[in-house]
Amino acid sequence: MNVITPGQHITVDECMSAWKGGESPHRVEGMPPKTKIARKPEGVGAEMKALCDGSSGILLRLDIMEDSK
């Protein structure tokens, strides 16, 4: 069994998964947690908070944020 032990450099940041709308080939029934953030390059999508190990580059946790309605 492989075990990953996080290093000393843990980073918390936000990220976006862009939403292309109804034209997207990956669409099912829309994106429920859709958010609009003007400061992002593609400002409409799902906002997520990510926890990463800076030494290995491994993503340890990803939380999808609630809709900002």
PDB file of N, CA and C in Angstrom:
ATOM      1  N   MET A   1       0.845  -1.184   0.000  1.00  0.00           N
ATOM      2  CA  MET A   1       0.000   0.000   0.000  1.00  0.00           C
ATOM      3  C   MET A   1       0.891   1.247   0.000  1.00  0.00           C
ATOM      4  N   ASN A   2       0.596   2.182  -0.886  1.00  0.00           N
ATOM      5  CA  ASN A   2       1.349   3.432  -0.964  1.00  0.00           C
ATOM      6  C   ASN A   2       0.703   4.486  -0.084  1.00  0.00           C
ATOM      7  N   VAL A   3       1.529   5.227   0.634  1.00  0.00           N
ATOM      8  CA  VAL A   3       1.048   6.289   1.511  1.00  0.00           C
ATOM      9  C   VAL A   3       1.762   7.578   1.139  1.00  0.00           C
ATOM     10  N   ILE A   4       1.010   8.670   1.074  1.00  0.00           N
ATOM     11  CA  ILE A   4       1.597   9.980   0.781  1.00  0.00           C
ATOM     12  C   ILE A   4       1.625  10.774   2.076  1.00  0.00           C
ATOM     13  N   THR A   5       2.805  11.207   2.470  1.00  0.00           N
ATOM     14  CA  THR A   5       2.966  12.039   3.655  1.00  0.00           C
ATOM     15  C   THR A   5       3.241  13.461   3.184  1.00  0.00           C
ATOM     16  N   PRO A   6       2.338  14.411   3.495  1.00  0.00           N
ATOM     17  CA  PRO A   6       2.545  15.800   3.061  1.00  0.00           C
ATOM     18  C   PRO A   6       3.843  16.367   3.632  1.00  0.00           C
ATOM     19  N   GLY A   7       4.460  17.243   2.848  1.00  0.00           N
ATOM     20  CA  GLY A   7       5.698  17.896   3.272  1.00  0.00           C
ATOM     21  C   GLY A   7       5.423  19.111   4.133  1.00  0.00           C
ATOM     22  N   GLN A   8       6.402  19.986   4.242  1.00  0.00           N
ATOM     23  CA  GLN A   8       6.298  21.176   5.081  1.00  0.00           C
ATOM     24  C   GLN A   8       5.624  22.342   4.380  1.00  0.00           C
ATOM     25  N   HIS A   9       5.483  22.282   3.078  1.00  0.00           N
ATOM     26  CA  HIS A   9       4.933  23.395   2.306  1.00  0.00           C
ATOM     27  C   HIS A   9       3.525  23.056   1.815  1.00  0.00           C
ATOM     28  N   ILE A  10       2.523  23.412   2.604  1.00  0.00           N
ATOM     29  CA  ILE A  10       1.121  23.170   2.259  1.00  0.00           C
ATOM     30  C   ILE A  10       0.513  24.500   1.812  1.00  0.00           C
ATOM     31  N   THR A  11      -0.186  24.486   0.694  1.00  0.00           N
ATOM     32  CA  THR A  11      -0.760  25.708   0.127  1.00  0.00           C
ATOM     33  C   THR A  11      -2.261  25.562  -0.038  1.00  0.00           C
ATOM     34  N   VAL A  12      -3.003  26.596   0.376  1.00  0.00           N
ATOM     35  CA  VAL A  12      -4.442  26.665   0.163  1.00  0.00           C
ATOM     36  C   VAL A  12      -4.691  27.773  -0.849  1.00  0.00           C
ATOM     37  N   ASP A  13      -5.473  27.472  -1.880  1.00  0.00           N
ATOM     38  CA  ASP A  13      -5.747  28.464  -2.914  1.00  0.00           C
ATOM     39  C   ASP A  13      -7.124  28.195  -3.500  1.00  0.00           C
ATOM     40  N   GLU A  14      -7.591  29.134  -4.288  1.00  0.00           N
ATOM     41  CA  GLU A  14      -8.868  28.933  -4.983  1.00  0.00           C
ATOM     42  C   GLU A  14      -8.589  28.671  -6.456  1.00  0.00           C
ATOM     43  N   CYS A  15      -9.499  27.968  -7.094  1.00  0.00           N
ATOM     44  CA  CYS A  15      -9.374  27.720  -8.528  1.00  0.00           C
ATOM     45  C   CYS A  15     -10.778  27.661  -9.132  1.00  0.00           C
ATOM     46  N   MET A  16     -10.821  27.741 -10.435  1.00  0.00           N
ATOM     47  CA  MET A  16     -12.103  27.728 -11.150  1.00  0.00           C
ATOM     48  C   MET A  16     -12.085  26.623 -12.196  1.00  0.00           C
ATOM     49  N   SER A  17     -13.237  26.028 -12.395  1.00  0.00           N
ATOM     50  CA  SER A  17     -13.454  25.133 -13.525  1.00  0.00           C
ATOM     51  C   SER A  17     -14.445  25.870 -14.417  1.00  0.00           C
ATOM     52  N   ALA A  18     -13.989  26.303 -15.579  1.00  0.00           N
ATOM     53  CA  ALA A  18     -14.806  27.165 -16.446  1.00  0.00           C
ATOM     54  C   ALA A  18     -16.053  26.447 -16.939  1.00  0.00           C
ATOM     55  N   TRP A  19     -17.115  27.211 -17.111  1.00  0.00           N
ATOM     56  CA  TRP A  19     -18.385  26.710 -17.631  1.00  0.00           C
ATOM     57  C   TRP A  19     -18.588  27.297 -19.015  1.00  0.00           C
ATOM     58  N   LYS A  20     -18.743  26.452 -20.003  1.00  0.00           N
ATOM     59  CA  LYS A  20     -18.899  26.889 -21.387  1.00  0.00           C
ATOM     60  C   LYS A  20     -20.365  26.967 -21.808  1.00  0.00           C
ATOM     61  N   GLY A  21     -21.264  26.627 -20.923  1.00  0.00           N
ATOM     62  CA  GLY A  21     -22.689  26.714 -21.237  1.00  0.00           C
ATOM     63  C   GLY A  21     -23.209  25.509 -21.997  1.00  0.00           C
ATOM     64  N   GLY A  22     -24.348  25.678 -22.618  1.00  0.00           N
ATOM     65  CA  GLY A  22     -25.025  24.586 -23.308  1.00  0.00           C
ATOM     66  C   GLY A  22     -24.263  24.017 -24.484  1.00  0.00           C
ATOM     67  N   GLU A  23     -23.302  24.761 -25.026  1.00  0.00           N
ATOM     68  CA  GLU A  23     -22.554  24.294 -26.180  1.00  0.00           C
ATOM     69  C   GLU A  23     -21.452  23.305 -25.803  1.00  0.00           C
ATOM     70  N   SER A  24     -21.135  23.185 -24.538  1.00  0.00           N
ATOM     71  CA  SER A  24     -20.041  22.325 -24.113  1.00  0.00           C
ATOM     72  C   SER A  24     -20.364  20.851 -24.367  1.00  0.00           C
ATOM     73  N   PRO A  25     -19.424  20.086 -24.930  1.00  0.00           N
ATOM     74  CA  PRO A  25     -19.678  18.669 -25.179  1.00  0.00           C
ATOM     75  C   PRO A  25     -19.714  17.839 -23.894  1.00  0.00           C
ATOM     76  N   HIS A  26     -19.263  18.410 -22.763  1.00  0.00           N
ATOM     77  CA  HIS A  26     -19.213  17.675 -21.502  1.00  0.00           C
ATOM     78  C   HIS A  26     -20.396  17.990 -20.588  1.00  0.00           C
ATOM     79  N   ARG A  27     -21.363  18.699 -21.076  1.00  0.00           N
ATOM     80  CA  ARG A  27     -22.493  19.137 -20.267  1.00  0.00           C
ATOM     81  C   ARG A  27     -23.451  17.973 -20.020  1.00  0.00           C
ATOM     82  N   VAL A  28     -24.032  17.924 -18.835  1.00  0.00           N
ATOM     83  CA  VAL A  28     -25.060  16.938 -18.519  1.00  0.00           C
ATOM     84  C   VAL A  28     -26.372  17.690 -18.383  1.00  0.00           C
ATOM     85  N   GLU A  29     -26.592  18.333 -17.274  1.00  0.00           N
ATOM     86  CA  GLU A  29     -27.810  19.132 -17.052  1.00  0.00           C
ATOM     87  C   GLU A  29     -27.450  20.476 -16.443  1.00  0.00           C
ATOM     88  N   GLY A  30     -26.379  21.067 -16.884  1.00  0.00           N
ATOM     89  CA  GLY A  30     -25.960  22.342 -16.329  1.00  0.00           C
ATOM     90  C   GLY A  30     -24.972  22.144 -15.191  1.00  0.00           C
ATOM     91  N   MET A  31     -24.558  23.241 -14.606  1.00  0.00           N
ATOM     92  CA  MET A  31     -23.600  23.202 -13.510  1.00  0.00           C
ATOM     93  C   MET A  31     -24.236  23.856 -12.290  1.00  0.00           C
ATOM     94  N   PRO A  32     -24.731  23.085 -11.332  1.00  0.00           N
ATOM     95  CA  PRO A  32     -25.429  23.661 -10.174  1.00  0.00           C
ATOM     96  C   PRO A  32     -24.641  24.685  -9.371  1.00  0.00           C
ATOM     97  N   PRO A  33     -23.335  24.458  -9.058  1.00  0.00           N
ATOM     98  CA  PRO A  33     -22.641  25.469  -8.255  1.00  0.00           C
ATOM     99  C   PRO A  33     -22.009  26.575  -9.093  1.00  0.00           C
ATOM    100  N   LYS A  34     -22.675  27.007 -10.161  1.00  0.00           N
ATOM    101  CA  LYS A  34     -22.099  28.008 -11.073  1.00  0.00           C
ATOM    102  C   LYS A  34     -21.947  29.353 -10.374  1.00  0.00           C
ATOM    103  N   THR A  35     -20.781  29.983 -10.542  1.00  0.00           N
ATOM    104  CA  THR A  35     -20.441  31.251  -9.913  1.00  0.00           C
ATOM    105  C   THR A  35     -19.834  32.180 -10.964  1.00  0.00           C
ATOM    106  N   LYS A  36     -20.009  33.491 -10.773  1.00  0.00           N
ATOM    107  CA  LYS A  36     -19.380  34.465 -11.660  1.00  0.00           C
ATOM    108  C   LYS A  36     -18.391  35.294 -10.850  1.00  0.00           C
ATOM    109  N   ILE A  37     -17.113  35.281 -11.274  1.00  0.00           N
ATOM    110  CA  ILE A  37     -16.064  36.047 -10.607  1.00  0.00           C
ATOM    111  C   ILE A  37     -15.348  36.864 -11.676  1.00  0.00           C
ATOM    112  N   ALA A  38     -15.490  38.160 -11.627  1.00  0.00           N
ATOM    113  CA  ALA A  38     -14.979  39.051 -12.675  1.00  0.00           C
ATOM    114  C   ALA A  38     -13.458  39.032 -12.785  1.00  0.00           C
ATOM    115  N   ARG A  39     -12.734  38.790 -11.694  1.00  0.00           N
ATOM    116  CA  ARG A  39     -11.273  38.862 -11.729  1.00  0.00           C
ATOM    117  C   ARG A  39     -10.612  37.629 -12.350  1.00  0.00           C
ATOM    118  N   LYS A  40     -11.387  36.590 -12.653  1.00  0.00           N
ATOM    119  CA  LYS A  40     -10.847  35.366 -13.251  1.00  0.00           C
ATOM    120  C   LYS A  40     -10.836  35.480 -14.772  1.00  0.00           C
ATOM    121  N   PRO A  41      -9.857  34.858 -15.455  1.00  0.00           N
ATOM    122  CA  PRO A  41      -9.798  34.921 -16.921  1.00  0.00           C
ATOM    123  C   PRO A  41     -11.068  34.375 -17.584  1.00  0.00           C
ATOM    124  N   GLU A  42     -11.576  33.257 -17.098  1.00  0.00           N
ATOM    125  CA  GLU A  42     -12.860  32.726 -17.551  1.00  0.00           C
ATOM    126  C   GLU A  42     -13.733  32.739 -16.309  1.00  0.00           C
ATOM    127  N   GLY A  43     -14.434  33.841 -16.098  1.00  0.00           N
ATOM    128  CA  GLY A  43     -15.068  34.138 -14.823  1.00  0.00           C
ATOM    129  C   GLY A  43     -16.351  33.431 -14.481  1.00  0.00           C
ATOM    130  N   VAL A  44     -16.855  32.516 -15.317  1.00  0.00           N
ATOM    131  CA  VAL A  44     -18.079  31.789 -14.984  1.00  0.00           C
ATOM    132  C   VAL A  44     -17.734  30.315 -14.897  1.00  0.00           C
ATOM    133  N   GLY A  45     -18.085  29.698 -13.768  1.00  0.00           N
ATOM    134  CA  GLY A  45     -17.800  28.279 -13.583  1.00  0.00           C
ATOM    135  C   GLY A  45     -17.983  27.869 -12.145  1.00  0.00           C
ATOM    136  N   ALA A  46     -17.365  26.771 -11.772  1.00  0.00           N
ATOM    137  CA  ALA A  46     -17.428  26.268 -10.402  1.00  0.00           C
ATOM    138  C   ALA A  46     -16.175  26.726  -9.664  1.00  0.00           C
ATOM    139  N   GLU A  47     -16.381  27.390  -8.539  1.00  0.00           N
ATOM    140  CA  GLU A  47     -15.246  27.827  -7.720  1.00  0.00           C
ATOM    141  C   GLU A  47     -14.903  26.716  -6.746  1.00  0.00           C
ATOM    142  N   MET A  48     -13.619  26.457  -6.582  1.00  0.00           N
ATOM    143  CA  MET A  48     -13.164  25.414  -5.675  1.00  0.00           C
ATOM    144  C   MET A  48     -12.021  25.926  -4.820  1.00  0.00           C
ATOM    145  N   LYS A  49     -11.917  25.383  -3.631  1.00  0.00           N
ATOM    146  CA  LYS A  49     -10.781  25.644  -2.754  1.00  0.00           C
ATOM    147  C   LYS A  49      -9.906  24.398  -2.797  1.00  0.00           C
ATOM    148  N   ALA A  50      -8.604  24.589  -2.997  1.00  0.00           N
ATOM    149  CA  ALA A  50      -7.684  23.467  -3.150  1.00  0.00           C
ATOM    150  C   ALA A  50      -6.608  23.506  -2.068  1.00  0.00           C
ATOM    151  N   LEU A  51      -6.234  22.334  -1.587  1.00  0.00           N
ATOM    152  CA  LEU A  51      -5.147  22.164  -0.625  1.00  0.00           C
ATOM    153  C   LEU A  51      -4.081  21.317  -1.317  1.00  0.00           C
ATOM    154  N   CYS A  52      -2.885  21.867  -1.486  1.00  0.00           N
ATOM    155  CA  CYS A  52      -1.828  21.186  -2.227  1.00  0.00           C
ATOM    156  C   CYS A  52      -0.550  21.081  -1.414  1.00  0.00           C
ATOM    157  N   ASP A  53       0.188  20.016  -1.672  1.00  0.00           N
ATOM    158  CA  ASP A  53       1.512  19.836  -1.089  1.00  0.00           C
ATOM    159  C   ASP A  53       2.512  20.489  -2.042  1.00  0.00           C
ATOM    160  N   GLY A  54       3.168  21.553  -1.592  1.00  0.00           N
ATOM    161  CA  GLY A  54       4.085  22.296  -2.436  1.00  0.00           C
ATOM    162  C   GLY A  54       5.340  21.534  -2.805  1.00  0.00           C
ATOM    163  N   SER A  55       5.727  20.576  -2.012  1.00  0.00           N
ATOM    164  CA  SER A  55       6.944  19.801  -2.301  1.00  0.00           C
ATOM    165  C   SER A  55       6.731  18.799  -3.425  1.00  0.00           C
ATOM    166  N   SER A  56       5.617  18.072  -3.369  1.00  0.00           N
ATOM    167  CA  SER A  56       5.363  17.021  -4.363  1.00  0.00           C
ATOM    168  C   SER A  56       4.440  17.479  -5.492  1.00  0.00           C
ATOM    169  N   GLY A  57       3.690  18.578  -5.262  1.00  0.00           N
ATOM    170  CA  GLY A  57       2.730  19.035  -6.261  1.00  0.00           C
ATOM    171  C   GLY A  57       1.438  18.236  -6.263  1.00  0.00           C
ATOM    172  N   ILE A  58       1.203  17.455  -5.239  1.00  0.00           N
ATOM    173  CA  ILE A  58       0.012  16.606  -5.154  1.00  0.00           C
ATOM    174  C   ILE A  58      -1.141  17.387  -4.544  1.00  0.00           C
ATOM    175  N   LEU A  59      -2.306  17.294  -5.179  1.00  0.00           N
ATOM    176  CA  LEU A  59      -3.531  17.902  -4.672  1.00  0.00           C
ATOM    177  C   LEU A  59      -4.080  17.008  -3.566  1.00  0.00           C
ATOM    178  N   LEU A  60      -4.191  17.546  -2.351  1.00  0.00           N
ATOM    179  CA  LEU A  60      -4.613  16.760  -1.200  1.00  0.00           C
ATOM    180  C   LEU A  60      -6.116  16.841  -0.947  1.00  0.00           C
ATOM    181  N   ARG A  61      -6.724  17.979  -1.268  1.00  0.00           N
ATOM    182  CA  ARG A  61      -8.152  18.161  -1.005  1.00  0.00           C
ATOM    183  C   ARG A  61      -8.709  19.190  -1.983  1.00  0.00           C
ATOM    184  N   LEU A  62      -9.955  18.977  -2.396  1.00  0.00           N
ATOM    185  CA  LEU A  62     -10.633  19.903  -3.298  1.00  0.00           C
ATOM    186  C   LEU A  62     -12.071  20.043  -2.810  1.00  0.00           C
ATOM    187  N   ASP A  63     -12.463  21.256  -2.455  1.00  0.00           N
ATOM    188  CA  ASP A  63     -13.821  21.538  -1.978  1.00  0.00           C
ATOM    189  C   ASP A  63     -14.548  22.414  -2.994  1.00  0.00           C
ATOM    190  N   ILE A  64     -15.683  21.944  -3.491  1.00  0.00           N
ATOM    191  CA  ILE A  64     -16.495  22.746  -4.410  1.00  0.00           C
ATOM    192  C   ILE A  64     -17.333  23.702  -3.568  1.00  0.00           C
ATOM    193  N   MET A  65     -17.238  24.994  -3.882  1.00  0.00           N
ATOM    194  CA  MET A  65     -17.940  26.006  -3.106  1.00  0.00           C
ATOM    195  C   MET A  65     -19.405  26.099  -3.542  1.00  0.00           C
ATOM    196  N   GLU A  66     -20.237  26.551  -2.625  1.00  0.00           N
ATOM    197  CA  GLU A  66     -21.665  26.719  -2.882  1.00  0.00           C
ATOM    198  C   GLU A  66     -21.905  27.847  -3.879  1.00  0.00           C
ATOM    199  N   ASP A  67     -23.047  27.822  -4.529  1.00  0.00           N
ATOM    200  CA  ASP A  67     -23.476  28.871  -5.432  1.00  0.00           C
ATOM    201  C   ASP A  67     -23.606  30.179  -4.652  1.00  0.00           C
ATOM    202  N   SER A  68     -23.241  31.295  -5.253  1.00  0.00           N
ATOM    203  CA  SER A  68     -23.270  32.583  -4.554  1.00  0.00           C
ATOM    204  C   SER A  68     -24.550  33.368  -4.839  1.00  0.00           C
ATOM    205  N   LYS A  69     -25.679  32.707  -4.952  1.00  0.00           N
ATOM    206  CA  LYS A  69     -26.950  33.386  -5.211  1.00  0.00           C
ATOM    207  C   LYS A  69     -27.443  34.129  -4.005  1.00  0.00           C
TER     208      LYS A  69
END
